[in-house]
């Protein structure tokens, strides 16, 4: 498994699930739901920061998610997107 915050590229495997077909599909569904959300928020944050071209931006995404945990996770992924932009 790839560590949180690690830069990955298209078509690069990040997780391998080994189980019988039914169990693997349930595990894959849960993993993809979390992984896809994380990569979506991180990618959008990086694109917004890149497009801002040095102008400070503020995140108001917590109002669009359900629950405190989701808001904290989305904020963390947006922070990772900002850190990626600064590293490049």
PDB file of N, CA and C in Angstrom:
ATOM      1  N   UNK A   1       0.842  -1.182   0.000  1.00  0.00           N
ATOM      2  CA  UNK A   1       0.000   0.000   0.000  1.00  0.00           C
ATOM      3  C   UNK A   1       0.889   1.247   0.000  1.00  0.00           C
ATOM      4  N   UNK A   2       0.472   2.237  -0.729  1.00  0.00           N
ATOM      5  CA  UNK A   2       1.204   3.496  -0.829  1.00  0.00           C
ATOM      6  C   UNK A   2       0.898   4.348   0.409  1.00  0.00           C
ATOM      7  N   UNK A   3       1.911   4.966   0.970  1.00  0.00           N
ATOM      8  CA  UNK A   3       1.733   5.820   2.155  1.00  0.00           C
ATOM      9  C   UNK A   3       0.907   7.060   1.802  1.00  0.00           C
ATOM     10  N   UNK A   4       0.141   7.546   2.753  1.00  0.00           N
ATOM     11  CA  UNK A   4      -0.672   8.743   2.589  1.00  0.00           C
ATOM     12  C   UNK A   4       0.206   9.927   2.204  1.00  0.00           C
ATOM     13  N   UNK A   5      -0.186  10.679   1.174  1.00  0.00           N
ATOM     14  CA  UNK A   5       0.568  11.851   0.739  1.00  0.00           C
ATOM     15  C   UNK A   5       1.622  11.566  -0.304  1.00  0.00           C
ATOM     16  N   UNK A   6       1.786  10.296  -0.707  1.00  0.00           N
ATOM     17  CA  UNK A   6       2.774   9.930  -1.718  1.00  0.00           C
ATOM     18  C   UNK A   6       2.228  10.233  -3.109  1.00  0.00           C
ATOM     19  N   UNK A   7       3.021  10.831  -3.952  1.00  0.00           N
ATOM     20  CA  UNK A   7       2.625  11.143  -5.317  1.00  0.00           C
ATOM     21  C   UNK A   7       2.559   9.862  -6.135  1.00  0.00           C
ATOM     22  N   UNK A   8       1.429   9.618  -6.809  1.00  0.00           N
ATOM     23  CA  UNK A   8       1.270   8.445  -7.673  1.00  0.00           C
ATOM     24  C   UNK A   8       0.827   8.918  -9.055  1.00  0.00           C
ATOM     25  N   UNK A   9       1.057   8.085 -10.039  1.00  0.00           N
ATOM     26  CA  UNK A   9       0.739   8.429 -11.421  1.00  0.00           C
ATOM     27  C   UNK A   9      -0.359   7.529 -11.966  1.00  0.00           C
ATOM     28  N   UNK A  10      -0.944   7.901 -13.100  1.00  0.00           N
ATOM     29  CA  UNK A  10      -1.990   7.107 -13.736  1.00  0.00           C
ATOM     30  C   UNK A  10      -1.506   5.692 -14.005  1.00  0.00           C
ATOM     31  N   UNK A  11      -2.406   4.747 -13.869  1.00  0.00           N
ATOM     32  CA  UNK A  11      -2.157   3.326 -14.140  1.00  0.00           C
ATOM     33  C   UNK A  11      -1.073   2.718 -13.253  1.00  0.00           C
ATOM     34  N   UNK A  12      -0.795   3.343 -12.127  1.00  0.00           N
ATOM     35  CA  UNK A  12       0.183   2.807 -11.178  1.00  0.00           C
ATOM     36  C   UNK A  12      -0.577   2.092 -10.057  1.00  0.00           C
ATOM     37  N   UNK A  13      -0.321   0.782  -9.844  1.00  0.00           N
ATOM     38  CA  UNK A  13      -1.051   0.083  -8.782  1.00  0.00           C
ATOM     39  C   UNK A  13      -0.669   0.623  -7.407  1.00  0.00           C
ATOM     40  N   UNK A  14      -1.673   0.855  -6.580  1.00  0.00           N
ATOM     41  CA  UNK A  14      -1.416   1.383  -5.242  1.00  0.00           C
ATOM     42  C   UNK A  14      -1.877   0.435  -4.145  1.00  0.00           C
ATOM     43  N   UNK A  15      -2.803  -0.470  -4.463  1.00  0.00           N
ATOM     44  CA  UNK A  15      -3.314  -1.432  -3.485  1.00  0.00           C
ATOM     45  C   UNK A  15      -3.552  -2.757  -4.196  1.00  0.00           C
ATOM     46  N   UNK A  16      -3.229  -3.854  -3.540  1.00  0.00           N
ATOM     47  CA  UNK A  16      -3.531  -5.185  -4.061  1.00  0.00           C
ATOM     48  C   UNK A  16      -4.443  -5.892  -3.064  1.00  0.00           C
ATOM     49  N   UNK A  17      -5.570  -6.398  -3.560  1.00  0.00           N
ATOM     50  CA  UNK A  17      -6.519  -7.123  -2.719  1.00  0.00           C
ATOM     51  C   UNK A  17      -6.476  -8.590  -3.116  1.00  0.00           C
ATOM     52  N   UNK A  18      -6.214  -9.460  -2.146  1.00  0.00           N
ATOM     53  CA  UNK A  18      -6.207 -10.911  -2.394  1.00  0.00           C
ATOM     54  C   UNK A  18      -7.271 -11.552  -1.514  1.00  0.00           C
ATOM     55  N   UNK A  19      -8.314 -12.063  -2.154  1.00  0.00           N
ATOM     56  CA  UNK A  19      -9.416 -12.711  -1.438  1.00  0.00           C
ATOM     57  C   UNK A  19     -10.258 -13.451  -2.466  1.00  0.00           C
ATOM     58  N   UNK A  20     -11.271 -14.209  -1.991  1.00  0.00           N
ATOM     59  CA  UNK A  20     -12.160 -14.815  -2.975  1.00  0.00           C
ATOM     60  C   UNK A  20     -12.994 -13.700  -3.613  1.00  0.00           C
ATOM     61  N   UNK A  21     -13.644 -14.005  -4.725  1.00  0.00           N
ATOM     62  CA  UNK A  21     -14.286 -12.971  -5.552  1.00  0.00           C
ATOM     63  C   UNK A  21     -15.282 -12.100  -4.775  1.00  0.00           C
ATOM     64  N   UNK A  22     -16.174 -12.694  -4.033  1.00  0.00           N
ATOM     65  CA  UNK A  22     -17.198 -11.922  -3.320  1.00  0.00           C
ATOM     66  C   UNK A  22     -16.563 -11.016  -2.267  1.00  0.00           C
ATOM     67  N   UNK A  23     -15.674 -11.548  -1.444  1.00  0.00           N
ATOM     68  CA  UNK A  23     -15.013 -10.742  -0.415  1.00  0.00           C
ATOM     69  C   UNK A  23     -14.184  -9.636  -1.043  1.00  0.00           C
ATOM     70  N   UNK A  24     -13.477  -9.954  -2.121  1.00  0.00           N
ATOM     71  CA  UNK A  24     -12.645  -8.950  -2.788  1.00  0.00           C
ATOM     72  C   UNK A  24     -13.487  -7.803  -3.332  1.00  0.00           C
ATOM     73  N   UNK A  25     -14.682  -8.098  -3.849  1.00  0.00           N
ATOM     74  CA  UNK A  25     -15.534  -7.032  -4.382  1.00  0.00           C
ATOM     75  C   UNK A  25     -16.017  -6.096  -3.284  1.00  0.00           C
ATOM     76  N   UNK A  26     -16.353  -6.642  -2.115  1.00  0.00           N
ATOM     77  CA  UNK A  26     -16.764  -5.782  -0.996  1.00  0.00           C
ATOM     78  C   UNK A  26     -15.596  -4.918  -0.510  1.00  0.00           C
ATOM     79  N   UNK A  27     -14.436  -5.533  -0.377  1.00  0.00           N
ATOM     80  CA  UNK A  27     -13.254  -4.792   0.065  1.00  0.00           C
ATOM     81  C   UNK A  27     -12.891  -3.726  -0.959  1.00  0.00           C
ATOM     82  N   UNK A  28     -12.904  -4.096  -2.236  1.00  0.00           N
ATOM     83  CA  UNK A  28     -12.574  -3.144  -3.303  1.00  0.00           C
ATOM     84  C   UNK A  28     -13.535  -1.964  -3.301  1.00  0.00           C
ATOM     85  N   UNK A  29     -14.831  -2.233  -3.092  1.00  0.00           N
ATOM     86  CA  UNK A  29     -15.826  -1.165  -3.094  1.00  0.00           C
ATOM     87  C   UNK A  29     -15.520  -0.136  -1.999  1.00  0.00           C
ATOM     88  N   UNK A  30     -15.211  -0.616  -0.806  1.00  0.00           N
ATOM     89  CA  UNK A  30     -14.903   0.293   0.306  1.00  0.00           C
ATOM     90  C   UNK A  30     -13.599   1.049   0.060  1.00  0.00           C
ATOM     91  N   UNK A  31     -12.580   0.339  -0.407  1.00  0.00           N
ATOM     92  CA  UNK A  31     -11.290   0.988  -0.677  1.00  0.00           C
ATOM     93  C   UNK A  31     -11.413   2.050  -1.762  1.00  0.00           C
ATOM     94  N   UNK A  32     -12.113   1.713  -2.844  1.00  0.00           N
ATOM     95  CA  UNK A  32     -12.249   2.678  -3.942  1.00  0.00           C
ATOM     96  C   UNK A  32     -13.055   3.907  -3.535  1.00  0.00           C
ATOM     97  N   UNK A  33     -14.081   3.717  -2.721  1.00  0.00           N
ATOM     98  CA  UNK A  33     -14.871   4.867  -2.264  1.00  0.00           C
ATOM     99  C   UNK A  33     -13.991   5.853  -1.514  1.00  0.00           C
ATOM    100  N   UNK A  34     -13.143   5.355  -0.617  1.00  0.00           N
ATOM    101  CA  UNK A  34     -12.250   6.233   0.140  1.00  0.00           C
ATOM    102  C   UNK A  34     -11.125   6.785  -0.727  1.00  0.00           C
ATOM    103  N   UNK A  35     -10.514   5.935  -1.508  1.00  0.00           N
ATOM    104  CA  UNK A  35      -9.384   6.343  -2.329  1.00  0.00           C
ATOM    105  C   UNK A  35      -9.796   7.360  -3.393  1.00  0.00           C
ATOM    106  N   UNK A  36     -10.919   7.104  -4.070  1.00  0.00           N
ATOM    107  CA  UNK A  36     -11.372   8.022  -5.114  1.00  0.00           C
ATOM    108  C   UNK A  36     -11.707   9.401  -4.553  1.00  0.00           C
ATOM    109  N   UNK A  37     -12.332   9.440  -3.372  1.00  0.00           N
ATOM    110  CA  UNK A  37     -12.640  10.730  -2.762  1.00  0.00           C
ATOM    111  C   UNK A  37     -11.365  11.483  -2.404  1.00  0.00           C
ATOM    112  N   UNK A  38     -10.407  10.765  -1.834  1.00  0.00           N
ATOM    113  CA  UNK A  38      -9.147  11.402  -1.433  1.00  0.00           C
ATOM    114  C   UNK A  38      -8.403  11.964  -2.642  1.00  0.00           C
ATOM    115  N   UNK A  39      -8.297  11.180  -3.699  1.00  0.00           N
ATOM    116  CA  UNK A  39      -7.571  11.656  -4.877  1.00  0.00           C
ATOM    117  C   UNK A  39      -8.323  12.779  -5.581  1.00  0.00           C
ATOM    118  N   UNK A  40      -9.650  12.732  -5.556  1.00  0.00           N
ATOM    119  CA  UNK A  40     -10.440  13.803  -6.164  1.00  0.00           C
ATOM    120  C   UNK A  40     -10.188  15.135  -5.461  1.00  0.00           C
ATOM    121  N   UNK A  41     -10.301  15.140  -4.134  1.00  0.00           N
ATOM    122  CA  UNK A  41     -10.116  16.387  -3.368  1.00  0.00           C
ATOM    123  C   UNK A  41      -8.686  16.900  -3.513  1.00  0.00           C
ATOM    124  N   UNK A  42      -7.707  16.007  -3.439  1.00  0.00           N
ATOM    125  CA  UNK A  42      -6.307  16.412  -3.562  1.00  0.00           C
ATOM    126  C   UNK A  42      -6.021  17.006  -4.937  1.00  0.00           C
ATOM    127  N   UNK A  43      -6.527  16.355  -5.985  1.00  0.00           N
ATOM    128  CA  UNK A  43      -6.303  16.839  -7.350  1.00  0.00           C
ATOM    129  C   UNK A  43      -6.967  18.187  -7.584  1.00  0.00           C
ATOM    130  N   UNK A  44      -8.200  18.333  -7.121  1.00  0.00           N
ATOM    131  CA  UNK A  44      -8.907  19.613  -7.296  1.00  0.00           C
ATOM    132  C   UNK A  44      -8.180  20.724  -6.545  1.00  0.00           C
ATOM    133  N   UNK A  45      -7.725  20.448  -5.327  1.00  0.00           N
ATOM    134  CA  UNK A  45      -6.998  21.465  -4.557  1.00  0.00           C
ATOM    135  C   UNK A  45      -5.738  21.898  -5.291  1.00  0.00           C
ATOM    136  N   UNK A  46      -5.007  20.941  -5.821  1.00  0.00           N
ATOM    137  CA  UNK A  46      -3.784  21.284  -6.548  1.00  0.00           C
ATOM    138  C   UNK A  46      -4.097  22.113  -7.788  1.00  0.00           C
ATOM    139  N   UNK A  47      -5.140  21.747  -8.511  1.00  0.00           N
ATOM    140  CA  UNK A  47      -5.512  22.497  -9.722  1.00  0.00           C
ATOM    141  C   UNK A  47      -5.950  23.924  -9.393  1.00  0.00           C
ATOM    142  N   UNK A  48      -6.707  24.084  -8.313  1.00  0.00           N
ATOM    143  CA  UNK A  48      -7.158  25.424  -7.911  1.00  0.00           C
ATOM    144  C   UNK A  48      -5.962  26.276  -7.520  1.00  0.00           C
ATOM    145  N   UNK A  49      -5.053  25.709  -6.746  1.00  0.00           N
ATOM    146  CA  UNK A  49      -3.874  26.463  -6.300  1.00  0.00           C
ATOM    147  C   UNK A  49      -2.985  26.819  -7.483  1.00  0.00           C
ATOM    148  N   UNK A  50      -2.854  25.900  -8.427  1.00  0.00           N
ATOM    149  CA  UNK A  50      -2.062  26.187  -9.630  1.00  0.00           C
ATOM    150  C   UNK A  50      -2.708  27.307 -10.435  1.00  0.00           C
ATOM    151  N   UNK A  51      -4.029  27.241 -10.608  1.00  0.00           N
ATOM    152  CA  UNK A  51      -4.742  28.260 -11.380  1.00  0.00           C
ATOM    153  C   UNK A  51      -4.703  29.624 -10.688  1.00  0.00           C
ATOM    154  N   UNK A  52      -4.655  29.636  -9.358  1.00  0.00           N
ATOM    155  CA  UNK A  52      -4.617  30.902  -8.615  1.00  0.00           C
ATOM    156  C   UNK A  52      -3.303  31.634  -8.834  1.00  0.00           C
ATOM    157  N   UNK A  53      -2.266  30.918  -9.239  1.00  0.00           N
ATOM    158  CA  UNK A  53      -0.985  31.523  -9.602  1.00  0.00           C
ATOM    159  C   UNK A  53      -0.446  32.465  -8.519  1.00  0.00           C
ATOM    160  N   UNK A  54      -0.382  31.936  -7.277  1.00  0.00           N
ATOM    161  CA  UNK A  54       0.192  32.727  -6.195  1.00  0.00           C
ATOM    162  C   UNK A  54      -0.804  33.526  -5.383  1.00  0.00           C
ATOM    163  N   UNK A  55      -2.029  33.659  -5.862  1.00  0.00           N
ATOM    164  CA  UNK A  55      -3.062  34.364  -5.100  1.00  0.00           C
ATOM    165  C   UNK A  55      -3.561  33.421  -4.005  1.00  0.00           C
ATOM    166  N   UNK A  56      -3.628  33.867  -2.765  1.00  0.00           N
ATOM    167  CA  UNK A  56      -4.097  32.986  -1.690  1.00  0.00           C
ATOM    168  C   UNK A  56      -5.531  32.514  -1.937  1.00  0.00           C
ATOM    169  N   UNK A  57      -5.795  31.253  -1.637  1.00  0.00           N
ATOM    170  CA  UNK A  57      -7.142  30.693  -1.768  1.00  0.00           C
ATOM    171  C   UNK A  57      -7.583  30.153  -0.419  1.00  0.00           C
ATOM    172  N   UNK A  58      -8.898  30.048  -0.236  1.00  0.00           N
ATOM    173  CA  UNK A  58      -9.442  29.556   1.017  1.00  0.00           C
ATOM    174  C   UNK A  58     -10.394  28.407   0.718  1.00  0.00           C
ATOM    175  N   UNK A  59     -10.402  27.400   1.580  1.00  0.00           N
ATOM    176  CA  UNK A  59     -11.242  26.233   1.388  1.00  0.00           C
ATOM    177  C   UNK A  59     -12.535  26.372   2.182  1.00  0.00           C
ATOM    178  N   UNK A  60     -13.671  26.184   1.486  1.00  0.00           N
ATOM    179  CA  UNK A  60     -14.976  26.174   2.150  1.00  0.00           C
ATOM    180  C   UNK A  60     -15.690  24.850   1.911  1.00  0.00           C
ATOM    181  N   UNK A  61     -14.943  23.793   1.637  1.00  0.00           N
ATOM    182  CA  UNK A  61     -15.520  22.509   1.285  1.00  0.00           C
ATOM    183  C   UNK A  61     -16.220  21.789   2.425  1.00  0.00           C
ATOM    184  N   UNK A  62     -15.948  22.166   3.671  1.00  0.00           N
ATOM    185  CA  UNK A  62     -16.552  21.466   4.807  1.00  0.00           C
ATOM    186  C   UNK A  62     -18.071  21.598   4.806  1.00  0.00           C
ATOM    187  N   UNK A  63     -18.602  22.623   4.177  1.00  0.00           N
ATOM    188  CA  UNK A  63     -20.055  22.786   4.154  1.00  0.00           C
ATOM    189  C   UNK A  63     -20.723  21.828   3.179  1.00  0.00           C
ATOM    190  N   UNK A  64     -19.932  21.158   2.339  1.00  0.00           N
ATOM    191  CA  UNK A  64     -20.499  20.256   1.335  1.00  0.00           C
ATOM    192  C   UNK A  64     -20.418  18.783   1.714  1.00  0.00           C
ATOM    193  N   UNK A  65     -19.845  18.460   2.840  1.00  0.00           N
ATOM    194  CA  UNK A  65     -19.683  17.060   3.231  1.00  0.00           C
ATOM    195  C   UNK A  65     -20.600  16.732   4.403  1.00  0.00           C
ATOM    196  N   UNK A  66     -20.759  15.447   4.628  1.00  0.00           N
ATOM    197  CA  UNK A  66     -21.621  15.004   5.718  1.00  0.00           C
ATOM    198  C   UNK A  66     -20.771  14.548   6.890  1.00  0.00           C
ATOM    199  N   UNK A  67     -20.919  15.215   7.992  1.00  0.00           N
ATOM    200  CA  UNK A  67     -20.233  14.803   9.208  1.00  0.00           C
ATOM    201  C   UNK A  67     -18.899  15.481   9.415  1.00  0.00           C
ATOM    202  N   UNK A  68     -18.516  15.555  10.675  1.00  0.00           N
ATOM    203  CA  UNK A  68     -17.260  16.200  11.055  1.00  0.00           C
ATOM    204  C   UNK A  68     -16.067  15.422  10.511  1.00  0.00           C
ATOM    205  N   UNK A  69     -16.128  14.095  10.583  1.00  0.00           N
ATOM    206  CA  UNK A  69     -15.010  13.276  10.105  1.00  0.00           C
ATOM    207  C   UNK A  69     -14.734  13.517   8.630  1.00  0.00           C
ATOM    208  N   UNK A  70     -15.784  13.618   7.826  1.00  0.00           N
ATOM    209  CA  UNK A  70     -15.610  13.867   6.392  1.00  0.00           C
ATOM    210  C   UNK A  70     -14.997  15.236   6.141  1.00  0.00           C
ATOM    211  N   UNK A  71     -15.401  16.219   6.925  1.00  0.00           N
ATOM    212  CA  UNK A  71     -14.854  17.565   6.768  1.00  0.00           C
ATOM    213  C   UNK A  71     -13.366  17.581   7.102  1.00  0.00           C
ATOM    214  N   UNK A  72     -12.982  16.872   8.154  1.00  0.00           N
ATOM    215  CA  UNK A  72     -11.570  16.812   8.541  1.00  0.00           C
ATOM    216  C   UNK A  72     -10.762  16.087   7.475  1.00  0.00           C
ATOM    217  N   UNK A  73     -11.290  14.981   6.956  1.00  0.00           N
ATOM    218  CA  UNK A  73     -10.600  14.240   5.903  1.00  0.00           C
ATOM    219  C   UNK A  73     -10.431  15.098   4.652  1.00  0.00           C
ATOM    220  N   UNK A  74     -11.491  15.782   4.234  1.00  0.00           N
ATOM    221  CA  UNK A  74     -11.418  16.629   3.041  1.00  0.00           C
ATOM    222  C   UNK A  74     -10.396  17.750   3.243  1.00  0.00           C
ATOM    223  N   UNK A  75     -10.347  18.315   4.430  1.00  0.00           N
ATOM    224  CA  UNK A  75      -9.361  19.362   4.716  1.00  0.00           C
ATOM    225  C   UNK A  75      -7.944  18.815   4.632  1.00  0.00           C
ATOM    226  N   UNK A  76      -7.748  17.600   5.136  1.00  0.00           N
ATOM    227  CA  UNK A  76      -6.432  16.967   5.081  1.00  0.00           C
ATOM    228  C   UNK A  76      -6.009  16.752   3.620  1.00  0.00           C
ATOM    229  N   UNK A  77      -6.924  16.265   2.791  1.00  0.00           N
ATOM    230  CA  UNK A  77      -6.583  16.019   1.391  1.00  0.00           C
ATOM    231  C   UNK A  77      -6.307  17.324   0.639  1.00  0.00           C
ATOM    232  N   UNK A  78      -7.047  18.372   0.967  1.00  0.00           N
ATOM    233  CA  UNK A  78      -6.792  19.673   0.346  1.00  0.00           C
ATOM    234  C   UNK A  78      -5.419  20.193   0.771  1.00  0.00           C
ATOM    235  N   UNK A  79      -5.048  19.980   2.013  1.00  0.00           N
ATOM    236  CA  UNK A  79      -3.720  20.377   2.498  1.00  0.00           C
ATOM    237  C   UNK A  79      -2.633  19.626   1.740  1.00  0.00           C
ATOM    238  N   UNK A  80      -2.847  18.326   1.501  1.00  0.00           N
ATOM    239  CA  UNK A  80      -1.881  17.535   0.729  1.00  0.00           C
ATOM    240  C   UNK A  80      -1.754  18.109  -0.680  1.00  0.00           C
ATOM    241  N   UNK A  81      -2.868  18.511  -1.288  1.00  0.00           N
ATOM    242  CA  UNK A  81      -2.828  19.125  -2.624  1.00  0.00           C
ATOM    243  C   UNK A  81      -2.017  20.395  -2.628  1.00  0.00           C
ATOM    244  N   UNK A  82      -2.138  21.206  -1.576  1.00  0.00           N
ATOM    245  CA  UNK A  82      -1.349  22.423  -1.452  1.00  0.00           C
ATOM    246  C   UNK A  82       0.134  22.084  -1.282  1.00  0.00           C
ATOM    247  N   UNK A  83       0.433  21.069  -0.470  1.00  0.00           N
ATOM    248  CA  UNK A  83       1.826  20.664  -0.250  1.00  0.00           C
ATOM    249  C   UNK A  83       2.447  20.141  -1.548  1.00  0.00           C
ATOM    250  N   UNK A  84       1.664  19.431  -2.351  1.00  0.00           N
ATOM    251  CA  UNK A  84       2.169  18.971  -3.648  1.00  0.00           C
ATOM    252  C   UNK A  84       2.512  20.143  -4.551  1.00  0.00           C
ATOM    253  N   UNK A  85       1.673  21.155  -4.558  1.00  0.00           N
ATOM    254  CA  UNK A  85       1.914  22.332  -5.394  1.00  0.00           C
ATOM    255  C   UNK A  85       3.191  23.042  -4.956  1.00  0.00           C
ATOM    256  N   UNK A  86       3.391  23.181  -3.646  1.00  0.00           N
ATOM    257  CA  UNK A  86       4.576  23.864  -3.140  1.00  0.00           C
ATOM    258  C   UNK A  86       5.849  23.064  -3.405  1.00  0.00           C
ATOM    259  N   UNK A  87       5.733  21.731  -3.457  1.00  0.00           N
ATOM    260  CA  UNK A  87       6.898  20.885  -3.682  1.00  0.00           C
ATOM    261  C   UNK A  87       7.349  20.885  -5.133  1.00  0.00           C
ATOM    262  N   UNK A  88       6.460  21.282  -6.040  1.00  0.00           N
ATOM    263  CA  UNK A  88       6.798  21.211  -7.471  1.00  0.00           C
ATOM    264  C   UNK A  88       7.370  22.493  -7.990  1.00  0.00           C
TER     265      UNK A  88
END
